[in-house]
N, C-alpha and C. Protein backbone atom coordinates (compact mmCIF):
# COMPACT_ATOMS: atom_id res chain seq x y z
N MET A 1 45.43 161.30 306.69
CA MET A 1 45.39 161.44 305.32
C MET A 1 44.52 160.51 304.58
N LYS A 2 44.20 159.26 305.01
CA LYS A 2 43.36 158.57 304.17
C LYS A 2 41.82 159.32 304.26
N PHE A 3 41.47 159.76 305.37
CA PHE A 3 40.15 160.50 305.22
C PHE A 3 40.29 161.68 304.12
N TYR A 4 41.11 162.50 304.11
CA TYR A 4 41.07 163.41 303.07
C TYR A 4 41.22 163.00 301.77
N LYS A 5 41.96 161.74 301.56
CA LYS A 5 41.97 161.12 300.09
C LYS A 5 40.62 160.73 299.55
N ILE A 6 39.78 160.09 300.63
CA ILE A 6 38.55 159.89 300.21
C ILE A 6 37.65 160.90 300.22
N ILE A 7 37.49 161.91 300.89
CA ILE A 7 36.59 163.20 300.59
C ILE A 7 37.08 163.66 299.23
N LEU A 8 38.28 163.81 299.08
CA LEU A 8 38.82 164.09 297.47
C LEU A 8 38.13 163.41 296.52
N LEU A 9 38.41 162.03 296.50
CA LEU A 9 37.78 161.21 295.39
C LEU A 9 36.36 161.33 295.32
N ILE A 10 35.91 161.51 296.44
CA ILE A 10 34.09 161.64 296.14
C ILE A 10 33.87 162.98 295.54
N LEU A 11 34.54 164.18 295.97
CA LEU A 11 34.08 165.37 295.28
C LEU A 11 34.81 165.21 293.63
N LEU A 12 35.86 164.47 293.46
CA LEU A 12 36.46 164.70 291.99
C LEU A 12 35.52 163.69 291.14
N PHE A 13 35.04 162.45 291.58
CA PHE A 13 34.57 161.95 290.54
C PHE A 13 32.86 161.98 290.84
N SER A 14 32.33 162.84 291.60
CA SER A 14 30.98 163.14 291.53
C SER A 14 30.84 164.15 290.47
N CYS A 15 31.91 164.76 289.95
CA CYS A 15 31.91 165.89 288.97
C CYS A 15 31.37 165.19 287.71
N ASN A 16 30.98 165.94 286.60
CA ASN A 16 30.53 165.56 285.34
C ASN A 16 31.79 165.30 284.63
N GLU A 17 31.96 164.05 284.19
CA GLU A 17 33.24 163.45 283.61
C GLU A 17 33.68 164.33 282.40
N ASN A 18 32.86 165.14 281.89
CA ASN A 18 33.08 165.90 280.55
C ASN A 18 33.27 167.25 280.97
N ASN A 19 33.30 167.90 282.19
CA ASN A 19 33.27 169.05 282.51
C ASN A 19 34.04 169.23 283.95
N ASN A 20 35.32 168.72 283.92
CA ASN A 20 35.82 168.42 285.23
C ASN A 20 36.43 169.63 285.83
N THR A 21 36.68 170.79 285.28
CA THR A 21 37.29 171.75 285.59
C THR A 21 36.59 172.68 286.44
N ASP A 22 35.22 172.66 286.17
CA ASP A 22 34.49 173.79 287.04
C ASP A 22 33.36 173.29 288.08
N CYS A 23 33.14 171.97 288.15
CA CYS A 23 32.19 171.64 289.03
C CYS A 23 32.27 171.45 290.46
N CYS A 24 33.58 171.34 290.86
CA CYS A 24 33.85 170.97 292.30
C CYS A 24 34.41 172.11 293.01
N ALA A 25 34.14 172.32 294.39
CA ALA A 25 34.39 173.58 295.10
C ALA A 25 36.05 173.41 295.25
N GLU A 26 36.61 174.90 295.54
CA GLU A 26 38.05 174.92 295.53
C GLU A 26 38.36 174.44 296.96
N ILE A 27 39.25 173.47 297.29
CA ILE A 27 39.57 173.25 298.49
C ILE A 27 41.12 173.05 298.47
N ASP A 28 41.92 173.80 299.29
CA ASP A 28 43.19 173.68 299.32
C ASP A 28 43.70 172.51 300.66
N TYR A 29 44.38 171.53 300.23
CA TYR A 29 44.98 170.45 301.00
C TYR A 29 46.19 170.48 301.16
N GLY A 30 46.98 171.59 300.59
CA GLY A 30 48.60 171.56 300.67
C GLY A 30 49.02 170.67 299.44
N ASN A 31 50.30 170.67 299.62
CA ASN A 31 51.20 169.92 298.66
C ASN A 31 51.43 168.63 299.30
N ARG A 32 50.80 167.48 298.46
CA ARG A 32 50.84 166.06 298.86
C ARG A 32 51.91 165.21 298.04
N GLU A 33 52.61 164.35 298.48
CA GLU A 33 53.65 163.79 297.70
C GLU A 33 53.20 162.20 297.36
N ASP A 34 52.03 161.77 297.80
CA ASP A 34 51.71 160.71 297.31
C ASP A 34 50.10 160.38 297.54
N LEU A 35 49.38 161.12 296.56
CA LEU A 35 48.16 161.27 296.45
C LEU A 35 47.48 160.10 295.53
N ILE A 36 46.77 159.33 296.14
CA ILE A 36 46.24 158.11 295.32
C ILE A 36 44.91 158.60 294.44
N ILE A 37 44.86 158.19 293.04
CA ILE A 37 43.78 158.72 292.28
C ILE A 37 43.57 157.52 291.65
N GLU A 38 42.25 157.05 291.55
CA GLU A 38 41.96 155.76 290.75
C GLU A 38 40.50 155.99 290.34
N ASN A 39 40.34 155.46 288.98
CA ASN A 39 39.12 155.23 288.44
C ASN A 39 39.28 153.83 287.53
N ASN A 40 38.26 153.82 286.64
CA ASN A 40 38.09 152.52 285.86
C ASN A 40 39.25 152.51 284.67
N VAL A 41 40.15 153.64 284.64
CA VAL A 41 40.98 153.65 283.40
C VAL A 41 42.79 153.05 284.10
N PHE A 42 42.60 153.99 285.23
CA PHE A 42 44.21 153.99 285.84
C PHE A 42 44.09 154.12 287.25
N LYS A 43 45.03 153.92 287.94
CA LYS A 43 45.57 153.95 289.41
C LYS A 43 46.78 154.77 289.54
N ILE A 44 46.65 156.00 289.91
CA ILE A 44 47.91 156.88 289.77
C ILE A 44 48.47 157.24 291.35
N SER A 45 49.75 157.35 291.89
CA SER A 45 50.22 157.93 292.69
C SER A 45 50.87 159.14 292.36
N TYR A 46 50.04 160.52 292.83
CA TYR A 46 50.55 161.82 292.14
C TYR A 46 51.24 162.47 293.25
N ASN A 47 52.39 163.32 292.68
CA ASN A 47 53.02 164.18 293.66
C ASN A 47 52.92 165.55 293.37
N GLU A 48 52.13 166.16 294.21
CA GLU A 48 51.83 167.72 294.14
C GLU A 48 52.98 168.58 294.10
N VAL A 49 54.22 168.17 294.88
CA VAL A 49 55.42 168.92 295.05
C VAL A 49 55.97 169.08 293.81
N LYS A 50 56.07 168.16 292.98
CA LYS A 50 56.93 167.80 291.89
C LYS A 50 55.83 168.12 290.53
N GLU A 51 54.61 168.28 290.93
CA GLU A 51 53.63 168.42 289.87
C GLU A 51 53.70 167.43 288.84
N GLN A 52 53.91 166.04 289.05
CA GLN A 52 54.05 165.06 288.01
C GLN A 52 53.43 163.78 289.07
N PRO A 53 53.38 162.72 288.01
CA PRO A 53 53.11 161.24 288.78
C PRO A 53 54.39 160.81 289.27
N ASN A 54 54.11 159.83 290.25
CA ASN A 54 55.03 159.20 290.97
C ASN A 54 55.06 157.68 290.06
N TRP A 55 53.95 157.18 290.12
CA TRP A 55 53.81 155.94 289.33
C TRP A 55 52.18 155.86 288.88
N ILE A 56 52.00 154.90 287.90
CA ILE A 56 50.52 154.66 287.64
C ILE A 56 50.69 153.32 287.08
N GLU A 57 49.39 152.72 287.26
CA GLU A 57 49.01 151.42 286.83
C GLU A 57 47.69 151.40 285.79
N TYR A 58 47.77 150.66 284.86
CA TYR A 58 46.61 150.49 284.16
C TYR A 58 46.61 149.21 283.39
N THR A 59 45.70 148.57 282.75
CA THR A 59 45.59 147.41 281.85
C THR A 59 45.16 147.52 280.59
N VAL A 60 45.97 147.17 279.74
CA VAL A 60 45.73 147.26 278.32
C VAL A 60 45.01 145.86 277.87
N LYS A 61 43.80 146.00 277.13
CA LYS A 61 43.29 144.99 276.77
C LYS A 61 42.76 145.19 275.17
N ASP A 62 42.11 144.01 274.55
CA ASP A 62 41.76 144.02 273.11
C ASP A 62 40.28 144.92 273.37
N PHE A 63 40.15 145.48 272.39
CA PHE A 63 38.95 146.38 272.53
C PHE A 63 38.56 146.66 271.10
N VAL A 64 37.51 147.36 270.86
CA VAL A 64 36.81 147.99 269.75
C VAL A 64 36.83 149.10 269.92
N LYS A 65 37.50 150.05 269.02
CA LYS A 65 37.45 151.53 268.83
C LYS A 65 36.30 152.17 268.56
N VAL A 66 35.93 152.97 269.71
CA VAL A 66 34.73 153.74 269.22
C VAL A 66 34.78 155.35 269.20
N ALA A 67 35.86 155.63 270.05
CA ALA A 67 36.23 157.16 270.28
C ALA A 67 37.53 157.37 269.68
N ASP A 68 37.61 158.79 269.20
CA ASP A 68 38.77 159.24 268.56
C ASP A 68 39.20 160.48 269.11
N ARG A 69 40.42 160.79 269.55
CA ARG A 69 40.64 161.91 270.24
C ARG A 69 40.61 163.39 269.65
N GLY A 70 40.54 163.57 268.42
CA GLY A 70 40.20 164.47 267.65
C GLY A 70 41.13 165.69 268.43
N ASN A 71 40.37 166.84 268.70
CA ASN A 71 40.87 168.08 269.11
C ASN A 71 41.08 168.05 270.70
N MET A 72 40.91 167.05 271.48
CA MET A 72 41.03 166.78 272.83
C MET A 72 42.43 167.23 273.33
N ASP A 73 42.19 168.00 274.63
CA ASP A 73 43.71 168.49 274.93
C ASP A 73 43.47 168.14 276.60
N PHE A 74 44.58 168.31 277.32
CA PHE A 74 44.72 167.97 278.57
C PHE A 74 43.98 168.99 279.47
N TYR A 75 43.02 168.60 280.49
CA TYR A 75 42.50 169.56 281.39
C TYR A 75 42.94 169.32 282.91
N LEU A 76 42.77 170.66 283.62
CA LEU A 76 42.97 170.32 285.16
C LEU A 76 41.82 169.99 285.80
N ILE A 77 42.19 169.19 287.16
CA ILE A 77 41.16 168.87 288.06
C ILE A 77 41.32 169.64 289.18
N ASN A 78 40.22 170.35 289.53
CA ASN A 78 40.15 171.09 290.72
C ASN A 78 40.64 170.37 291.92
N ASN A 79 41.36 171.05 292.68
CA ASN A 79 41.94 170.40 294.20
C ASN A 79 42.87 169.73 294.03
N ILE A 80 43.67 169.49 292.94
CA ILE A 80 44.85 168.66 292.55
C ILE A 80 45.84 169.68 291.84
N LYS A 81 47.02 169.92 292.45
CA LYS A 81 48.27 170.76 292.09
C LYS A 81 48.91 169.68 291.18
N THR A 82 48.73 170.05 289.72
CA THR A 82 49.45 169.38 288.59
C THR A 82 50.09 170.24 287.79
N SER A 83 50.89 169.95 286.88
CA SER A 83 51.48 170.50 285.69
C SER A 83 50.46 171.25 285.00
N ASP A 84 50.69 172.16 284.25
CA ASP A 84 49.49 172.86 283.36
C ASP A 84 50.13 173.26 282.08
N ASN A 85 49.47 174.01 281.21
CA ASN A 85 50.06 174.48 279.86
C ASN A 85 51.37 175.19 280.07
N SER A 86 51.44 176.16 280.94
CA SER A 86 52.81 176.97 281.17
C SER A 86 53.87 175.94 281.22
N ASP A 87 53.80 174.88 281.84
CA ASP A 87 54.79 174.06 281.98
C ASP A 87 55.54 173.48 280.61
N TYR A 88 54.55 173.44 279.58
CA TYR A 88 54.77 172.85 278.35
C TYR A 88 55.17 173.78 277.19
N TYR A 89 55.20 175.16 277.74
CA TYR A 89 55.12 176.25 276.55
C TYR A 89 56.45 176.61 276.17
N ASN A 90 56.89 176.59 275.01
CA ASN A 90 58.05 177.11 274.28
C ASN A 90 59.30 176.32 274.93
N ASN A 91 59.35 175.03 275.20
CA ASN A 91 60.30 174.14 275.43
C ASN A 91 60.12 172.61 274.81
N PRO A 92 61.04 171.82 275.14
CA PRO A 92 61.04 170.77 274.18
C PRO A 92 60.24 169.63 274.82
N TRP A 93 59.42 169.74 275.83
CA TRP A 93 58.68 168.86 276.66
C TRP A 93 57.29 168.55 276.28
N ASP A 94 56.88 167.43 275.80
CA ASP A 94 55.51 167.07 275.41
C ASP A 94 54.86 166.93 276.71
N LYS A 95 53.53 167.09 276.62
CA LYS A 95 52.58 166.59 277.53
C LYS A 95 52.37 165.10 277.21
N GLY A 96 53.10 164.28 277.79
CA GLY A 96 53.36 162.89 277.65
C GLY A 96 52.36 162.19 278.38
N HIS A 97 51.35 161.48 277.77
CA HIS A 97 50.32 160.52 278.06
C HIS A 97 51.12 159.23 279.01
N MET A 98 50.55 158.98 280.33
CA MET A 98 51.12 158.10 280.85
C MET A 98 50.20 156.85 280.46
N ALA A 99 49.02 156.68 281.10
CA ALA A 99 48.08 155.69 280.32
C ALA A 99 47.98 156.38 278.91
N PRO A 100 48.10 155.50 277.98
CA PRO A 100 48.12 156.28 276.46
C PRO A 100 46.49 156.22 276.14
N ALA A 101 46.40 157.27 275.36
CA ALA A 101 44.93 157.67 274.96
C ALA A 101 44.42 156.67 274.09
N GLY A 102 45.63 156.08 273.20
CA GLY A 102 45.14 154.93 272.08
C GLY A 102 44.99 153.65 272.68
N SER A 103 45.17 153.54 273.88
CA SER A 103 44.66 152.34 274.68
C SER A 103 43.35 152.28 275.29
N PHE A 104 42.70 153.40 275.18
CA PHE A 104 41.42 153.48 275.99
C PHE A 104 40.37 154.27 274.93
N THR A 105 40.42 153.84 273.71
CA THR A 105 39.27 154.47 272.82
C THR A 105 38.08 153.58 272.83
N ASP A 106 38.07 152.64 273.64
CA ASP A 106 36.70 151.93 273.68
C ASP A 106 35.47 152.48 274.31
N SER A 107 35.79 153.83 274.67
CA SER A 107 34.54 154.67 275.06
C SER A 107 34.87 156.13 275.26
N TRP A 108 34.16 156.99 274.98
CA TRP A 108 34.43 158.50 274.91
C TRP A 108 34.81 158.70 276.73
N SER A 109 34.02 158.24 277.65
CA SER A 109 34.36 158.62 278.84
C SER A 109 35.82 158.03 279.22
N ASN A 110 36.31 156.67 278.81
CA ASN A 110 37.60 156.34 279.23
C ASN A 110 38.76 157.33 278.52
N LEU A 111 38.43 157.51 277.18
CA LEU A 111 39.41 158.35 276.58
C LEU A 111 39.45 159.69 277.07
N ALA A 112 38.45 160.24 277.73
CA ALA A 112 38.61 161.49 278.26
C ALA A 112 39.33 161.53 279.34
N LYS A 113 39.22 160.45 280.18
CA LYS A 113 39.98 160.17 281.48
C LYS A 113 41.61 160.34 281.28
N THR A 114 42.12 159.97 280.34
CA THR A 114 43.59 159.87 280.05
C THR A 114 43.93 161.36 279.87
N PHE A 115 43.23 162.25 279.55
CA PHE A 115 43.45 163.71 279.21
C PHE A 115 43.59 164.62 280.48
N SER A 116 43.36 163.78 281.40
CA SER A 116 43.67 164.59 282.57
C SER A 116 45.01 165.01 282.82
N PHE A 117 45.41 166.34 283.53
CA PHE A 117 46.95 166.43 283.88
C PHE A 117 47.56 165.49 284.80
N VAL A 118 46.64 164.85 285.70
CA VAL A 118 47.20 163.96 286.57
C VAL A 118 47.72 162.62 285.57
N ASN A 119 47.44 162.56 284.57
CA ASN A 119 48.11 161.50 283.91
C ASN A 119 49.04 161.91 282.52
N CYS A 120 49.54 162.89 282.81
CA CYS A 120 50.43 163.92 282.08
C CYS A 120 51.89 163.91 282.81
N ALA A 121 52.86 163.76 281.92
CA ALA A 121 54.48 163.90 282.45
C ALA A 121 55.06 164.71 281.38
N LEU A 122 56.05 165.33 281.96
CA LEU A 122 56.99 166.21 281.26
C LEU A 122 57.95 165.16 280.44
N GLN A 123 57.53 164.91 279.14
CA GLN A 123 58.29 163.88 278.31
C GLN A 123 58.90 164.71 277.20
N LEU A 124 60.29 164.43 277.02
CA LEU A 124 60.83 164.84 275.77
C LEU A 124 60.31 164.47 274.38
N ASP A 125 59.96 165.27 273.72
CA ASP A 125 59.13 165.30 272.49
C ASP A 125 59.53 164.23 271.70
N ASN A 126 60.75 164.03 271.36
CA ASN A 126 61.35 162.88 270.75
C ASN A 126 61.12 161.68 271.23
N LEU A 127 61.13 161.46 272.48
CA LEU A 127 60.94 160.19 273.38
C LEU A 127 59.25 159.89 272.97
N ASN A 128 58.63 160.87 273.48
CA ASN A 128 57.16 160.75 273.50
C ASN A 128 56.73 160.24 272.12
N ARG A 129 57.07 161.08 271.03
CA ARG A 129 56.69 160.84 269.65
C ARG A 129 57.36 159.60 268.97
N GLY A 130 58.53 159.02 269.66
CA GLY A 130 59.20 157.97 269.10
C GLY A 130 59.07 156.65 269.73
N GLU A 131 60.09 156.20 270.15
CA GLU A 131 60.07 154.86 270.80
C GLU A 131 58.85 154.56 271.88
N TRP A 132 58.91 155.59 272.77
CA TRP A 132 58.05 155.51 273.66
C TRP A 132 56.43 154.91 273.21
N ARG A 133 55.96 155.92 272.06
CA ARG A 133 54.82 155.60 271.34
C ARG A 133 54.81 154.13 270.75
N GLU A 134 55.87 153.88 270.03
CA GLU A 134 56.01 152.59 269.38
C GLU A 134 55.86 151.29 270.34
N LEU A 135 56.34 151.46 271.59
CA LEU A 135 56.12 150.61 272.67
C LEU A 135 54.35 150.27 273.09
N GLU A 136 54.03 151.75 273.04
CA GLU A 136 52.52 151.33 273.39
C GLU A 136 52.04 150.76 272.48
N GLU A 137 51.98 151.05 271.00
CA GLU A 137 51.65 150.45 270.23
C GLU A 137 51.91 148.78 270.09
N GLU A 138 52.96 148.51 270.45
CA GLU A 138 53.37 146.94 270.44
C GLU A 138 52.64 146.43 271.57
N VAL A 139 52.55 146.96 272.78
CA VAL A 139 51.63 146.59 273.72
C VAL A 139 50.04 146.42 273.34
N ARG A 140 49.63 147.21 272.57
CA ARG A 140 48.34 147.17 272.10
C ARG A 140 48.16 145.87 271.19
N ARG A 141 49.31 145.63 270.48
CA ARG A 141 49.03 144.54 269.38
C ARG A 141 49.18 143.17 270.25
N LEU A 142 50.06 143.17 271.12
CA LEU A 142 50.16 141.92 272.12
C LEU A 142 48.92 141.62 272.93
N ALA A 143 48.35 142.58 273.41
CA ALA A 143 47.03 142.49 274.20
C ALA A 143 46.03 141.66 273.39
N LYS A 144 45.88 142.09 271.92
CA LYS A 144 45.10 141.57 271.18
C LYS A 144 45.27 140.05 270.92
N LEU A 145 46.81 139.61 270.87
CA LEU A 145 47.04 138.26 270.81
C LEU A 145 47.21 137.39 271.90
N GLU A 146 47.49 137.94 273.21
CA GLU A 146 47.78 137.15 274.47
C GLU A 146 46.86 137.35 275.44
N GLY A 147 46.05 138.56 275.19
CA GLY A 147 45.17 138.81 276.45
C GLY A 147 45.55 139.90 277.25
N PRO A 148 45.05 140.45 278.14
CA PRO A 148 45.01 141.71 278.95
C PRO A 148 46.62 141.77 279.47
N ILE A 149 47.09 143.04 279.38
CA ILE A 149 48.51 143.27 280.03
C ILE A 149 48.49 144.25 280.99
N LYS A 150 49.06 143.88 282.27
CA LYS A 150 49.04 144.93 283.40
C LYS A 150 50.31 145.78 283.04
N VAL A 151 50.06 147.17 282.94
CA VAL A 151 51.35 147.91 282.95
C VAL A 151 51.43 148.84 283.95
N ARG A 152 52.73 149.03 284.36
CA ARG A 152 53.17 150.13 285.89
C ARG A 152 54.15 150.81 285.02
N ILE A 153 54.03 152.31 285.25
CA ILE A 153 55.33 152.97 284.90
C ILE A 153 55.40 153.74 286.18
N GLU A 154 56.88 153.91 286.39
CA GLU A 154 57.36 154.48 287.63
C GLU A 154 58.24 155.42 286.96
N LEU A 155 58.10 156.82 287.37
CA LEU A 155 58.98 158.04 287.08
C LEU A 155 59.93 157.87 287.96
N LYS A 156 61.44 158.23 287.40
CA LYS A 156 62.53 158.25 288.24
C LYS A 156 62.96 159.70 288.42
N PHE A 157 63.18 160.24 289.56
CA PHE A 157 63.81 161.70 289.82
C PHE A 157 64.92 161.45 290.73
N SER A 158 65.71 162.50 290.69
CA SER A 158 66.72 162.56 291.60
C SER A 158 67.07 163.88 292.19
N ALA A 159 68.09 164.09 293.03
CA ALA A 159 68.52 165.50 293.51
C ALA A 159 68.67 166.44 292.26
N ASN A 160 69.38 165.79 291.09
CA ASN A 160 69.63 166.75 289.79
C ASN A 160 68.54 166.73 288.97
N SER A 161 67.35 166.43 289.16
CA SER A 161 66.13 166.54 288.25
C SER A 161 66.05 167.98 288.09
N GLU A 162 65.86 168.52 286.67
CA GLU A 162 65.45 169.85 286.59
C GLU A 162 64.16 170.25 287.09
N VAL A 163 64.01 171.44 287.51
CA VAL A 163 63.00 172.17 288.10
C VAL A 163 62.64 173.51 287.23
N LEU A 164 61.61 173.11 286.37
CA LEU A 164 61.26 174.36 285.48
C LEU A 164 60.78 175.74 286.35
N SER A 165 61.04 176.68 285.78
CA SER A 165 60.70 177.84 286.23
C SER A 165 59.17 178.10 286.88
N THR A 166 58.29 177.57 285.80
CA THR A 166 57.04 177.30 286.14
C THR A 166 56.62 176.46 287.31
N GLY A 167 57.48 175.57 288.05
CA GLY A 167 57.37 174.93 289.01
C GLY A 167 57.56 173.37 289.18
N ALA A 168 57.10 172.77 287.74
CA ALA A 168 57.15 171.43 287.78
C ALA A 168 58.46 170.67 287.54
N THR A 169 58.56 169.61 288.06
CA THR A 169 60.00 168.95 288.06
C THR A 169 59.94 167.85 286.84
N VAL A 170 60.98 168.03 286.11
CA VAL A 170 60.99 167.10 285.08
C VAL A 170 61.77 165.73 285.14
N PRO A 171 61.01 164.67 285.12
CA PRO A 171 61.47 163.34 285.54
C PRO A 171 62.97 162.99 284.66
N ASP A 172 63.81 162.04 285.34
CA ASP A 172 65.08 161.91 284.83
C ASP A 172 64.85 160.56 283.60
N GLY A 173 63.68 159.93 283.81
CA GLY A 173 63.44 158.69 283.13
C GLY A 173 62.28 158.16 283.18
N PHE A 174 61.84 156.98 282.87
CA PHE A 174 60.55 156.16 282.95
C PHE A 174 60.84 154.72 282.89
N TYR A 175 60.41 154.12 284.10
CA TYR A 175 60.65 152.60 283.85
C TYR A 175 59.23 152.25 283.28
N LYS A 176 59.09 150.97 282.52
CA LYS A 176 57.65 150.44 282.14
C LYS A 176 57.84 149.03 282.23
N PHE A 177 56.95 148.50 283.39
CA PHE A 177 56.90 147.30 283.57
C PHE A 177 55.63 146.53 283.02
N LEU A 178 55.67 145.37 282.17
CA LEU A 178 54.77 144.80 281.31
C LEU A 178 54.33 143.36 282.18
N ASN A 179 53.37 143.19 282.60
CA ASN A 179 52.95 141.87 283.23
C ASN A 179 52.00 141.02 282.48
N PHE A 180 52.45 139.92 281.92
CA PHE A 180 51.31 139.20 281.02
C PHE A 180 50.41 138.38 281.82
N ASP A 181 49.59 137.68 281.18
CA ASP A 181 48.45 136.93 281.77
C ASP A 181 49.34 135.56 282.29
N ASP A 182 50.17 135.03 281.41
CA ASP A 182 50.83 133.93 281.54
C ASP A 182 51.83 133.92 282.96
N GLY A 183 52.05 135.00 283.59
CA GLY A 183 52.87 135.47 284.58
C GLY A 183 54.23 135.94 284.08
N SER A 184 54.65 135.93 282.90
CA SER A 184 55.84 136.68 282.37
C SER A 184 55.90 138.01 282.72
N LYS A 185 57.12 138.63 282.66
CA LYS A 185 57.21 139.96 282.49
C LYS A 185 58.24 140.39 281.72
N THR A 186 58.19 141.59 281.27
CA THR A 186 59.35 142.58 280.56
C THR A 186 59.33 143.79 280.99
N CYS A 187 60.46 144.06 281.26
CA CYS A 187 60.52 145.85 281.68
C CYS A 187 61.63 146.38 280.95
N TYR A 188 61.29 147.76 280.96
CA TYR A 188 62.28 148.64 280.15
C TYR A 188 62.52 149.96 280.75
N TYR A 189 63.47 150.68 280.49
CA TYR A 189 63.79 151.91 281.02
C TYR A 189 64.29 152.93 280.08
N PHE A 190 63.48 154.13 280.08
CA PHE A 190 63.97 155.06 278.88
C PHE A 190 64.30 156.50 279.79
N GLU A 191 65.64 156.77 279.45
CA GLU A 191 66.02 158.07 279.86
C GLU A 191 65.24 159.27 279.28
N ASN A 192 64.92 160.24 279.73
CA ASN A 192 64.32 161.18 279.31
C ASN A 192 64.91 162.00 278.31
N GLN A 193 65.22 161.35 277.32
CA GLN A 193 66.14 162.28 276.27
C GLN A 193 65.85 161.59 274.92
N THR A 194 66.61 162.10 273.95
CA THR A 194 66.45 161.64 272.55
C THR A 194 66.73 160.31 272.40
N THR A 195 65.84 159.49 271.94
CA THR A 195 66.41 157.93 271.61
C THR A 195 67.01 157.97 270.45
N ASP A 196 68.02 157.06 270.53
CA ASP A 196 68.79 156.69 269.51
C ASP A 196 69.06 155.19 269.11
N LYS A 197 67.95 154.47 269.37
CA LYS A 197 68.02 152.99 269.09
C LYS A 197 66.34 152.49 269.19
N ASN A 198 66.28 151.37 268.72
CA ASN A 198 64.77 150.63 268.95
C ASN A 198 64.36 150.43 270.13
N TRP A 199 63.02 150.56 270.43
CA TRP A 199 62.54 150.32 271.81
C TRP A 199 62.85 149.07 272.45
N SER A 200 62.99 147.96 271.62
CA SER A 200 63.34 146.86 272.07
C SER A 200 64.75 146.69 272.79
N GLU A 201 65.66 147.72 272.35
CA GLU A 201 66.83 147.84 273.09
C GLU A 201 67.00 148.45 274.47
N TYR A 202 65.84 149.04 274.75
CA TYR A 202 65.80 149.69 276.12
C TYR A 202 65.09 148.67 277.26
N GLU A 203 64.89 147.37 276.73
CA GLU A 203 64.88 146.33 277.77
C GLU A 203 65.60 146.08 278.77
N ILE A 204 65.44 145.98 280.07
CA ILE A 204 66.27 145.64 281.17
C ILE A 204 65.76 144.37 281.98
N SER A 205 66.62 144.23 282.74
CA SER A 205 66.25 143.10 283.76
C SER A 205 65.03 143.49 284.65
N CYS A 206 64.09 142.73 284.76
CA CYS A 206 63.08 142.84 285.84
C CYS A 206 63.38 142.63 287.22
N ASN A 207 64.65 142.27 287.41
CA ASN A 207 65.12 142.18 288.76
C ASN A 207 65.80 143.49 289.26
């Protein structure tokens, strides 16, 4: 399995970063449940059966903004079976960034990496555009004041997780773990449903 992952990563990242959909040969590796994808923005464990990430890690730092998302949209990566536009059509699920675009506008290359479907999850629109987004903004604010913050997001699935007719599995919820430079941690859990309180009230014990 490690050999296939190495070959896949060589193929994937030898492609032109701005044209990821066309440049690699089609190879069918089957449906992998723990495909590790890593670049200079994030590290992701991807589940091709669920067509969703298992978890993602990234670091938010203080930065100077040089890029803007504009009309960017999510793109597919050859040889990785992910969700796609059909999974988000005519339903309440947003294309939820896991590594947030707003935290990687320090370069066009980094910003573009956040728009891969491997970095995308089925997230209820109210959550994605509400308290989840506000917590992302708070993490950026804290990174400017306190230094780099390591973030890990774990998606929660269960036997009752909804499977869409298009094939992707909807996460039950999202854990977000923040690790600060001073060794302290703050942890949150959001059910994948409408939020009815402030993001700070979703804090949980890190134990």
